[in-house]
PDB file of N, CA and C in Angstrom:
ATOM      1  N   UNK A   1     105.557 104.113 104.110  1.00  0.00           N
ATOM      2  CA  UNK A   1     105.229 105.359 103.444  1.00  0.00           C
ATOM      3  C   UNK A   1     105.178 105.115 101.936  1.00  0.00           C
ATOM      4  N   UNK A   2     104.224 105.708 101.264  1.00  0.00           N
ATOM      5  CA  UNK A   2     104.080 105.581  99.820  1.00  0.00           C
ATOM      6  C   UNK A   2     104.370 106.937  99.191  1.00  0.00           C
ATOM      7  N   UNK A   3     105.347 106.975  98.294  1.00  0.00           N
ATOM      8  CA  UNK A   3     105.675 108.204  97.571  1.00  0.00           C
ATOM      9  C   UNK A   3     104.965 108.219  96.230  1.00  0.00           C
ATOM     10  N   UNK A   4     104.659 109.423  95.739  1.00  0.00           N
ATOM     11  CA  UNK A   4     104.009 109.575  94.447  1.00  0.00           C
ATOM     12  C   UNK A   4     104.943 110.328  93.510  1.00  0.00           C
ATOM     13  N   UNK A   5     105.044 109.852  92.281  1.00  0.00           N
ATOM     14  CA  UNK A   5     105.904 110.478  91.283  1.00  0.00           C
ATOM     15  C   UNK A   5     105.099 110.744  90.021  1.00  0.00           C
ATOM     16  N   UNK A   6     105.359 111.886  89.394  1.00  0.00           N
ATOM     17  CA  UNK A   6     104.686 112.244  88.150  1.00  0.00           C
ATOM     18  C   UNK A   6     105.716 112.844  87.204  1.00  0.00           C
ATOM     19  N   UNK A   7     105.703 112.379  85.949  1.00  0.00           N
ATOM     20  CA  UNK A   7     106.648 112.842  84.945  1.00  0.00           C
ATOM     21  C   UNK A   7     105.897 113.213  83.671  1.00  0.00           C
ATOM     22  N   UNK A   8     106.516 114.054  82.875  1.00  0.00           N
ATOM     23  CA  UNK A   8     105.973 114.402  81.568  1.00  0.00           C
ATOM     24  C   UNK A   8     104.505 114.830  81.647  1.00  0.00           C
ATOM     25  N   UNK A   9     104.265 115.829  82.492  1.00  0.00           N
ATOM     26  CA  UNK A   9     102.927 116.425  82.645  1.00  0.00           C
ATOM     27  C   UNK A   9     101.849 115.377  82.922  1.00  0.00           C
ATOM     28  N   UNK A  10     102.195 114.392  83.743  1.00  0.00           N
ATOM     29  CA  UNK A  10     101.223 113.386  84.168  1.00  0.00           C
ATOM     30  C   UNK A  10     101.064 112.206  83.237  1.00  0.00           C
ATOM     31  N   UNK A  11     101.826 112.178  82.139  1.00  0.00           N
ATOM     32  CA  UNK A  11     101.718 111.056  81.203  1.00  0.00           C
ATOM     33  C   UNK A  11     102.362 109.782  81.747  1.00  0.00           C
ATOM     34  N   UNK A  12     103.252 109.948  82.729  1.00  0.00           N
ATOM     35  CA  UNK A  12     103.885 108.819  83.417  1.00  0.00           C
ATOM     36  C   UNK A  12     103.720 109.058  84.911  1.00  0.00           C
ATOM     37  N   UNK A  13     103.138 108.089  85.600  1.00  0.00           N
ATOM     38  CA  UNK A  13     102.915 108.220  87.044  1.00  0.00           C
ATOM     39  C   UNK A  13     103.300 106.928  87.740  1.00  0.00           C
ATOM     40  N   UNK A  14     103.824 107.083  88.967  1.00  0.00           N
ATOM     41  CA  UNK A  14     104.183 105.887  89.723  1.00  0.00           C
ATOM     42  C   UNK A  14     104.000 106.107  91.212  1.00  0.00           C
ATOM     43  N   UNK A  15     103.874 104.998  91.910  1.00  0.00           N
ATOM     44  CA  UNK A  15     103.864 104.974  93.367  1.00  0.00           C
ATOM     45  C   UNK A  15     105.129 104.263  93.801  1.00  0.00           C
ATOM     46  N   UNK A  16     105.760 104.785  94.825  1.00  0.00           N
ATOM     47  CA  UNK A  16     107.024 104.257  95.322  1.00  0.00           C
ATOM     48  C   UNK A  16     106.791 103.686  96.713  1.00  0.00           C
ATOM     49  N   UNK A  17     107.306 102.473  96.942  1.00  0.00           N
ATOM     50  CA  UNK A  17     107.114 101.871  98.262  1.00  0.00           C
ATOM     51  C   UNK A  17     108.284 100.964  98.616  1.00  0.00           C
ATOM     52  N   UNK A  18     108.357 100.637  99.890  1.00  0.00           N
ATOM     53  CA  UNK A  18     109.394  99.755 100.411  1.00  0.00           C
ATOM     54  C   UNK A  18     108.713  98.728 101.299  1.00  0.00           C
ATOM     55  N   UNK A  19     109.132  97.447 101.160  1.00  0.00           N
ATOM     56  CA  UNK A  19     108.638  96.409 102.056  1.00  0.00           C
ATOM     57  C   UNK A  19     109.787  95.451 102.368  1.00  0.00           C
ATOM     58  N   UNK A  20     109.479  94.325 102.983  1.00  0.00           N
ATOM     59  CA  UNK A  20     110.516  93.378 103.386  1.00  0.00           C
ATOM     60  C   UNK A  20     111.285  92.810 102.195  1.00  0.00           C
ATOM     61  N   UNK A  21     110.692  92.859 101.004  1.00  0.00           N
ATOM     62  CA  UNK A  21     111.345  92.324  99.813  1.00  0.00           C
ATOM     63  C   UNK A  21     112.224  93.344  99.103  1.00  0.00           C
ATOM     64  N   UNK A  22     112.131  94.615  99.476  1.00  0.00           N
ATOM     65  CA  UNK A  22     112.977  95.628  98.847  1.00  0.00           C
ATOM     66  C   UNK A  22     112.253  96.914  98.534  1.00  0.00           C
ATOM     67  N   UNK A  23     112.837  97.672  97.609  1.00  0.00           N
ATOM     68  CA  UNK A  23     112.304  98.967  97.177  1.00  0.00           C
ATOM     69  C   UNK A  23     111.704  98.823  95.782  1.00  0.00           C
ATOM     70  N   UNK A  24     110.554  99.479  95.557  1.00  0.00           N
ATOM     71  CA  UNK A  24     109.837  99.325  94.300  1.00  0.00           C
ATOM     72  C   UNK A  24     109.139 100.616  93.898  1.00  0.00           C
ATOM     73  N   UNK A  25     108.928 100.754  92.584  1.00  0.00           N
ATOM     74  CA  UNK A  25     107.913 101.663  92.086  1.00  0.00           C
ATOM     75  C   UNK A  25     106.994 100.819  91.210  1.00  0.00           C
ATOM     76  N   UNK A  26     105.740 101.190  91.177  1.00  0.00           N
ATOM     77  CA  UNK A  26     104.772 100.561  90.294  1.00  0.00           C
ATOM     78  C   UNK A  26     104.071 101.709  89.581  1.00  0.00           C
ATOM     79  N   UNK A  27     103.945 101.606  88.256  1.00  0.00           N
ATOM     80  CA  UNK A  27     103.433 102.768  87.552  1.00  0.00           C
ATOM     81  C   UNK A  27     102.735 102.459  86.250  1.00  0.00           C
ATOM     82  N   UNK A  28     102.317 103.559  85.612  1.00  0.00           N
ATOM     83  CA  UNK A  28     101.592 103.516  84.352  1.00  0.00           C
ATOM     84  C   UNK A  28     102.193 104.564  83.423  1.00  0.00           C
ATOM     85  N   UNK A  29     102.331 104.208  82.142  1.00  0.00           N
ATOM     86  CA  UNK A  29     102.794 105.143  81.120  1.00  0.00           C
ATOM     87  C   UNK A  29     101.755 105.228  80.020  1.00  0.00           C
ATOM     88  N   UNK A  30     101.402 106.452  79.652  1.00  0.00           N
ATOM     89  CA  UNK A  30     100.523 106.686  78.510  1.00  0.00           C
ATOM     90  C   UNK A  30     101.362 106.605  77.232  1.00  0.00           C
ATOM     91  N   UNK A  31     100.714 106.493  76.067  1.00  0.00           N
ATOM     92  CA  UNK A  31     101.469 106.453  74.817  1.00  0.00           C
ATOM     93  C   UNK A  31     102.382 107.671  74.664  1.00  0.00           C
ATOM     94  N   UNK A  32     103.584 107.421  74.152  1.00  0.00           N
ATOM     95  CA  UNK A  32     104.564 108.475  73.935  1.00  0.00           C
ATOM     96  C   UNK A  32     105.958 107.899  73.975  1.00  0.00           C
ATOM     97  N   UNK A  33     106.943 108.781  73.948  1.00  0.00           N
ATOM     98  CA  UNK A  33     108.345 108.381  74.043  1.00  0.00           C
ATOM     99  C   UNK A  33     108.937 109.110  75.237  1.00  0.00           C
ATOM    100  N   UNK A  34     109.431 108.353  76.209  1.00  0.00           N
ATOM    101  CA  UNK A  34     109.842 108.910  77.494  1.00  0.00           C
ATOM    102  C   UNK A  34     111.273 108.503  77.827  1.00  0.00           C
ATOM    103  N   UNK A  35     112.088 109.471  78.216  1.00  0.00           N
ATOM    104  CA  UNK A  35     113.473 109.200  78.592  1.00  0.00           C
ATOM    105  C   UNK A  35     113.642 109.404  80.089  1.00  0.00           C
ATOM    106  N   UNK A  36     114.355 108.474  80.724  1.00  0.00           N
ATOM    107  CA  UNK A  36     114.572 108.509  82.167  1.00  0.00           C
ATOM    108  C   UNK A  36     116.035 108.281  82.490  1.00  0.00           C
ATOM    109  N   UNK A  37     116.500 108.904  83.561  1.00  0.00           N
ATOM    110  CA  UNK A  37     117.828 108.652  84.102  1.00  0.00           C
ATOM    111  C   UNK A  37     117.685 107.648  85.234  1.00  0.00           C
ATOM    112  N   UNK A  38     118.642 106.760  85.355  1.00  0.00           N
ATOM    113  CA  UNK A  38     118.653 105.774  86.443  1.00  0.00           C
ATOM    114  C   UNK A  38     119.905 106.026  87.286  1.00  0.00           C
ATOM    115  N   UNK A  39     119.766 106.736  88.387  1.00  0.00           N
ATOM    116  CA  UNK A  39     120.938 107.012  89.214  1.00  0.00           C
ATOM    117  C   UNK A  39     121.484 105.762  89.903  1.00  0.00           C
ATOM    118  N   UNK A  40     120.630 104.753  90.065  1.00  0.00           N
ATOM    119  CA  UNK A  40     121.027 103.507  90.720  1.00  0.00           C
ATOM    120  C   UNK A  40     120.525 102.327  89.894  1.00  0.00           C
ATOM    121  N   UNK A  41     121.041 101.137  90.180  1.00  0.00           N
ATOM    122  CA  UNK A  41     120.625  99.925  89.474  1.00  0.00           C
ATOM    123  C   UNK A  41     119.134  99.671  89.680  1.00  0.00           C
ATOM    124  N   UNK A  42     118.431  99.413  88.581  1.00  0.00           N
ATOM    125  CA  UNK A  42     117.008  99.081  88.666  1.00  0.00           C
ATOM    126  C   UNK A  42     116.645  98.115  87.551  1.00  0.00           C
ATOM    127  N   UNK A  43     115.484  97.531  87.671  1.00  0.00           N
ATOM    128  CA  UNK A  43     114.940  96.624  86.670  1.00  0.00           C
ATOM    129  C   UNK A  43     113.563  97.134  86.308  1.00  0.00           C
ATOM    130  N   UNK A  44     113.239  97.121  85.038  1.00  0.00           N
ATOM    131  CA  UNK A  44     111.915  97.529  84.577  1.00  0.00           C
ATOM    132  C   UNK A  44     111.193  96.275  84.103  1.00  0.00           C
ATOM    133  N   UNK A  45     110.138  95.903  84.822  1.00  0.00           N
ATOM    134  CA  UNK A  45     109.366  94.693  84.519  1.00  0.00           C
ATOM    135  C   UNK A  45     107.993  95.111  84.006  1.00  0.00           C
ATOM    136  N   UNK A  46     107.678  94.723  82.784  1.00  0.00           N
ATOM    137  CA  UNK A  46     106.409  95.083  82.170  1.00  0.00           C
ATOM    138  C   UNK A  46     105.298  94.183  82.702  1.00  0.00           C
ATOM    139  N   UNK A  47     104.271  94.789  83.262  1.00  0.00           N
ATOM    140  CA  UNK A  47     103.144  94.045  83.828  1.00  0.00           C
ATOM    141  C   UNK A  47     102.025  93.897  82.802  1.00  0.00           C
ATOM    142  N   UNK A  48     101.732  94.960  82.042  1.00  0.00           N
ATOM    143  CA  UNK A  48     100.689  94.939  81.016  1.00  0.00           C
ATOM    144  C   UNK A  48     101.142  95.744  79.814  1.00  0.00           C
ATOM    145  N   UNK A  49     100.916  95.184  78.624  1.00  0.00           N
ATOM    146  CA  UNK A  49     101.218  95.897  77.393  1.00  0.00           C
ATOM    147  C   UNK A  49     102.546  95.491  76.779  1.00  0.00           C
ATOM    148  N   UNK A  50     103.052  96.347  75.895  1.00  0.00           N
ATOM    149  CA  UNK A  50     104.370  96.148  75.287  1.00  0.00           C
ATOM    150  C   UNK A  50     105.009  97.516  75.082  1.00  0.00           C
ATOM    151  N   UNK A  51     106.329  97.517  75.029  1.00  0.00           N
ATOM    152  CA  UNK A  51     107.053  98.762  74.797  1.00  0.00           C
ATOM    153  C   UNK A  51     108.363  98.465  74.099  1.00  0.00           C
ATOM    154  N   UNK A  52     108.910  99.503  73.474  1.00  0.00           N
ATOM    155  CA  UNK A  52     110.222  99.427  72.860  1.00  0.00           C
ATOM    156  C   UNK A  52     111.163 100.231  73.739  1.00  0.00           C
ATOM    157  N   UNK A  53     112.365  99.697  73.961  1.00  0.00           N
ATOM    158  CA  UNK A  53     113.326 100.328  74.865  1.00  0.00           C
ATOM    159  C   UNK A  53     114.643 100.551  74.133  1.00  0.00           C
ATOM    160  N   UNK A  54     115.214 101.727  74.344  1.00  0.00           N
ATOM    161  CA  UNK A  54     116.519 102.063  73.794  1.00  0.00           C
ATOM    162  C   UNK A  54     117.482 102.358  74.936  1.00  0.00           C
ATOM    163  N   UNK A  55     118.592 101.594  74.987  1.00  0.00           N
ATOM    164  CA  UNK A  55     119.619 101.790  76.014  1.00  0.00           C
ATOM    165  C   UNK A  55     120.979 101.858  75.354  1.00  0.00           C
ATOM    166  N   UNK A  56     121.770 102.883  75.639  1.00  0.00           N
ATOM    167  CA  UNK A  56     121.393 104.115  76.322  1.00  0.00           C
ATOM    168  C   UNK A  56     120.521 104.983  75.424  1.00  0.00           C
ATOM    169  N   UNK A  57     119.841 105.916  76.026  1.00  0.00           N
ATOM    170  CA  UNK A  57     118.920 106.795  75.303  1.00  0.00           C
ATOM    171  C   UNK A  57     119.648 107.494  74.156  1.00  0.00           C
ATOM    172  N   UNK A  58     119.025 107.484  72.983  1.00  0.00           N
ATOM    173  CA  UNK A  58     119.572 108.177  71.832  1.00  0.00           C
ATOM    174  C   UNK A  58     120.722 107.473  71.134  1.00  0.00           C
ATOM    175  N   UNK A  59     121.150 106.315  71.647  1.00  0.00           N
ATOM    176  CA  UNK A  59     122.321 105.653  71.069  1.00  0.00           C
ATOM    177  C   UNK A  59     122.106 104.174  70.781  1.00  0.00           C
ATOM    178  N   UNK A  60     121.489 103.475  71.692  1.00  0.00           N
ATOM    179  CA  UNK A  60     121.370 102.025  71.572  1.00  0.00           C
ATOM    180  C   UNK A  60     120.323 101.599  70.561  1.00  0.00           C
ATOM    181  N   UNK A  61     120.268 100.290  70.337  1.00  0.00           N
ATOM    182  CA  UNK A  61     119.248  99.722  69.468  1.00  0.00           C
ATOM    183  C   UNK A  61     117.938  99.602  70.235  1.00  0.00           C
ATOM    184  N   UNK A  62     116.826  99.632  69.514  1.00  0.00           N
ATOM    185  CA  UNK A  62     115.515  99.465  70.121  1.00  0.00           C
ATOM    186  C   UNK A  62     115.235  97.979  70.308  1.00  0.00           C
ATOM    187  N   UNK A  63     114.750  97.610  71.498  1.00  0.00           N
ATOM    188  CA  UNK A  63     114.371  96.233  71.810  1.00  0.00           C
ATOM    189  C   UNK A  63     112.931  96.230  72.288  1.00  0.00           C
ATOM    190  N   UNK A  64     112.120  95.308  71.784  1.00  0.00           N
ATOM    191  CA  UNK A  64     110.718  95.207  72.183  1.00  0.00           C
ATOM    192  C   UNK A  64     110.575  94.233  73.345  1.00  0.00           C
ATOM    193  N   UNK A  65     109.811  94.641  74.356  1.00  0.00           N
ATOM    194  CA  UNK A  65     109.499  93.799  75.511  1.00  0.00           C
ATOM    195  C   UNK A  65     107.987  93.695  75.626  1.00  0.00           C
ATOM    196  N   UNK A  66     107.509  92.522  76.055  1.00  0.00           N
ATOM    197  CA  UNK A  66     106.079  92.306  76.242  1.00  0.00           C
ATOM    198  C   UNK A  66     105.810  91.909  77.692  1.00  0.00           C
ATOM    199  N   UNK A  67     104.542  91.733  78.015  1.00  0.00           N
ATOM    200  CA  UNK A  67     104.126  91.405  79.385  1.00  0.00           C
ATOM    201  C   UNK A  67     104.987  90.309  79.997  1.00  0.00           C
ATOM    202  N   UNK A  68     105.437  90.559  81.230  1.00  0.00           N
ATOM    203  CA  UNK A  68     106.225  89.590  81.966  1.00  0.00           C
ATOM    204  C   UNK A  68     107.720  89.690  81.737  1.00  0.00           C
ATOM    205  N   UNK A  69     108.139  90.426  80.719  1.00  0.00           N
ATOM    206  CA  UNK A  69     109.569  90.567  80.450  1.00  0.00           C
ATOM    207  C   UNK A  69     110.130  91.772  81.197  1.00  0.00           C
ATOM    208  N   UNK A  70     111.442  91.746  81.427  1.00  0.00           N
ATOM    209  CA  UNK A  70     112.083  92.860  82.120  1.00  0.00           C
ATOM    210  C   UNK A  70     113.449  93.135  81.518  1.00  0.00           C
ATOM    211  N   UNK A  71     113.957  94.327  81.792  1.00  0.00           N
ATOM    212  CA  UNK A  71     115.319  94.658  81.402  1.00  0.00           C
ATOM    213  C   UNK A  71     115.996  95.364  82.564  1.00  0.00           C
ATOM    214  N   UNK A  72     117.317  95.245  82.600  1.00  0.00           N
ATOM    215  CA  UNK A  72     118.120  95.851  83.665  1.00  0.00           C
ATOM    216  C   UNK A  72     118.628  97.211  83.206  1.00  0.00           C
ATOM    217  N   UNK A  73     118.613  98.171  84.121  1.00  0.00           N
ATOM    218  CA  UNK A  73     119.138  99.501  83.846  1.00  0.00           C
ATOM    219  C   UNK A  73     120.290  99.757  84.814  1.00  0.00           C
ATOM    220  N   UNK A  74     121.529  99.754  84.324  1.00  0.00           N
ATOM    221  CA  UNK A  74     122.657 100.017  85.217  1.00  0.00           C
ATOM    222  C   UNK A  74     122.580 101.428  85.803  1.00  0.00           C
ATOM    223  N   UNK A  75     123.031 101.578  87.027  1.00  0.00           N
ATOM    224  CA  UNK A  75     123.050 102.890  87.648  1.00  0.00           C
ATOM    225  C   UNK A  75     123.932 103.851  86.864  1.00  0.00           C
ATOM    226  N   UNK A  76     123.530 105.116  86.823  1.00  0.00           N
ATOM    227  CA  UNK A  76     124.293 106.134  86.121  1.00  0.00           C
ATOM    228  C   UNK A  76     124.064 106.157  84.622  1.00  0.00           C
ATOM    229  N   UNK A  77     122.998 105.493  84.162  1.00  0.00           N
ATOM    230  CA  UNK A  77     122.689 105.478  82.731  1.00  0.00           C
ATOM    231  C   UNK A  77     121.285 106.020  82.502  1.00  0.00           C
ATOM    232  N   UNK A  78     120.925 106.164  81.228  1.00  0.00           N
ATOM    233  CA  UNK A  78     119.566 106.571  80.895  1.00  0.00           C
ATOM    234  C   UNK A  78     119.014 105.625  79.838  1.00  0.00           C
ATOM    235  N   UNK A  79     117.708 105.707  79.642  1.00  0.00           N
ATOM    236  CA  UNK A  79     117.041 104.846  78.672  1.00  0.00           C
ATOM    237  C   UNK A  79     115.789 105.550  78.188  1.00  0.00           C
ATOM    238  N   UNK A  80     115.339 105.172  76.995  1.00  0.00           N
ATOM    239  CA  UNK A  80     114.113 105.721  76.430  1.00  0.00           C
ATOM    240  C   UNK A  80     113.122 104.587  76.230  1.00  0.00           C
ATOM    241  N   UNK A  81     111.871 104.854  76.584  1.00  0.00           N
ATOM    242  CA  UNK A  81     110.784 103.893  76.413  1.00  0.00           C
ATOM    243  C   UNK A  81     109.802 104.483  75.406  1.00  0.00           C
ATOM    244  N   UNK A  82     109.448 103.706  74.389  1.00  0.00           N
ATOM    245  CA  UNK A  82     108.450 104.118  73.397  1.00  0.00           C
ATOM    246  C   UNK A  82     107.210 103.261  73.617  1.00  0.00           C
ATOM    247  N   UNK A  83     106.093 103.912  73.907  1.00  0.00           N
ATOM    248  CA  UNK A  83     104.844 103.237  74.266  1.00  0.00           C
ATOM    249  C   UNK A  83     103.771 103.607  73.245  1.00  0.00           C
ATOM    250  N   UNK A  84     103.081 102.612  72.670  1.00  0.00           N
ATOM    251  CA  UNK A  84     102.013 102.899  71.710  1.00  0.00           C
ATOM    252  C   UNK A  84     100.624 102.726  72.308  1.00  0.00           C
ATOM    253  N   UNK A  85     100.530 102.024  73.435  1.00  0.00           N
ATOM    254  CA  UNK A  85      99.272 101.866  74.161  1.00  0.00           C
ATOM    255  C   UNK A  85      99.630 101.877  75.647  1.00  0.00           C
ATOM    256  N   UNK A  86      98.745 102.322  76.493  1.00  0.00           N
ATOM    257  CA  UNK A  86      99.030 102.453  77.920  1.00  0.00           C
ATOM    258  C   UNK A  86      99.592 101.153  78.490  1.00  0.00           C
ATOM    259  N   UNK A  87     100.671 101.267  79.280  1.00  0.00           N
ATOM    260  CA  UNK A  87     101.318 100.106  79.886  1.00  0.00           C
ATOM    261  C   UNK A  87     101.400 100.275  81.397  1.00  0.00           C
ATOM    262  N   UNK A  88     101.557  99.151  82.092  1.00  0.00           N
ATOM    263  CA  UNK A  88     101.794  99.140  83.540  1.00  0.00           C
ATOM    264  C   UNK A  88     103.108  98.414  83.787  1.00  0.00           C
ATOM    265  N   UNK A  89     103.860  98.891  84.785  1.00  0.00           N
ATOM    266  CA  UNK A  89     105.168  98.305  85.065  1.00  0.00           C
ATOM    267  C   UNK A  89     105.449  98.242  86.557  1.00  0.00           C
ATOM    268  N   UNK A  90     106.404  97.380  86.907  1.00  0.00           N
ATOM    269  CA  UNK A  90     106.935  97.270  88.261  1.00  0.00           C
ATOM    270  C   UNK A  90     108.435  97.467  88.146  1.00  0.00           C
ATOM    271  N   UNK A  91     108.986  98.273  89.029  1.00  0.00           N
ATOM    272  CA  UNK A  91     110.408  98.584  88.969  1.00  0.00           C
ATOM    273  C   UNK A  91     111.074  98.330  90.319  1.00  0.00           C
ATOM    274  N   UNK A  92     111.655  97.132  90.526  1.00  0.00           N
ATOM    275  CA  UNK A  92     112.468  96.909  91.720  1.00  0.00           C
ATOM    276  C   UNK A  92     113.798  97.650  91.540  1.00  0.00           C
ATOM    277  N   UNK A  93     114.336  98.200  92.613  1.00  0.00           N
ATOM    278  CA  UNK A  93     115.607  98.905  92.511  1.00  0.00           C
ATOM    279  C   UNK A  93     116.413  98.755  93.786  1.00  0.00           C
ATOM    280  N   UNK A  94     117.674  99.108  93.687  1.00  0.00           N
ATOM    281  CA  UNK A  94     118.586  99.025  94.820  1.00  0.00           C
ATOM    282  C   UNK A  94     118.700 100.390  95.479  1.00  0.00           C
ATOM    283  N   UNK A  95     118.923 100.420  96.775  1.00  0.00           N
ATOM    284  CA  UNK A  95     119.168 101.687  97.464  1.00  0.00           C
ATOM    285  C   UNK A  95     117.949 102.569  97.596  1.00  0.00           C
ATOM    286  N   UNK A  96     118.184 103.807  97.971  1.00  0.00           N
ATOM    287  CA  UNK A  96     117.122 104.795  98.136  1.00  0.00           C
ATOM    288  C   UNK A  96     117.015 105.591  96.848  1.00  0.00           C
ATOM    289  N   UNK A  97     115.891 105.485  96.169  1.00  0.00           N
ATOM    290  CA  UNK A  97     115.740 106.040  94.831  1.00  0.00           C
ATOM    291  C   UNK A  97     115.520 107.542  94.833  1.00  0.00           C
ATOM    292  N   UNK A  98     114.404 107.999  95.329  1.00  0.00           N
ATOM    293  CA  UNK A  98     114.072 109.421  95.275  1.00  0.00           C
ATOM    294  C   UNK A  98     114.084 110.092  96.637  1.00  0.00           C
ATOM    295  N   UNK A  99     114.463 109.359  97.664  1.00  0.00           N
ATOM    296  CA  UNK A  99     114.539 109.967  98.977  1.00  0.00           C
ATOM    297  C   UNK A  99     113.235 109.954  99.747  1.00  0.00           C
ATOM    298  N   UNK A 100     112.153 109.432  99.154  1.00  0.00           N
ATOM    299  CA  UNK A 100     110.867 109.383  99.856  1.00  0.00           C
ATOM    300  C   UNK A 100     110.849 108.295 100.919  1.00  0.00           C
ATOM    301  N   UNK A 101     111.662 107.275 100.738  1.00  0.00           N
ATOM    302  CA  UNK A 101     111.612 106.113 101.613  1.00  0.00           C
ATOM    303  C   UNK A 101     112.794 106.118 102.564  1.00  0.00           C
ATOM    304  N   UNK A 102     112.531 105.827 103.805  1.00  0.00           N
ATOM    305  CA  UNK A 102     113.630 105.770 104.771  1.00  0.00           C
ATOM    306  C   UNK A 102     113.965 104.320 105.078  1.00  0.00           C
ATOM    307  N   UNK A 103     115.187 104.089 105.477  1.00  0.00           N
ATOM    308  CA  UNK A 103     115.644 102.723 105.758  1.00  0.00           C
ATOM    309  C   UNK A 103     114.998 102.179 107.011  1.00  0.00           C
TER     310      UNK A 103
END
């Protein structure tokens, strides 16, 4: 089953899926500054573009990531992503993320 997610009035969109390798979302972010909560452990891997990330949101230092780089988001935390040009990402995560996927 493939789940669809939309945030910030469609400026951030993702597809959620599960396969033998685990649980994933793959998505696209338009330019802007976006804050997300991570209820469970996940990794954000940049596929195309570059972005600046602040962890935790509103408190941490900004770090720039480019294509192929990833960062870990501990469960129960939040983070902000600042995007200046459209980016694509892959997000492997642990557990059941949004409830769309069954074990």
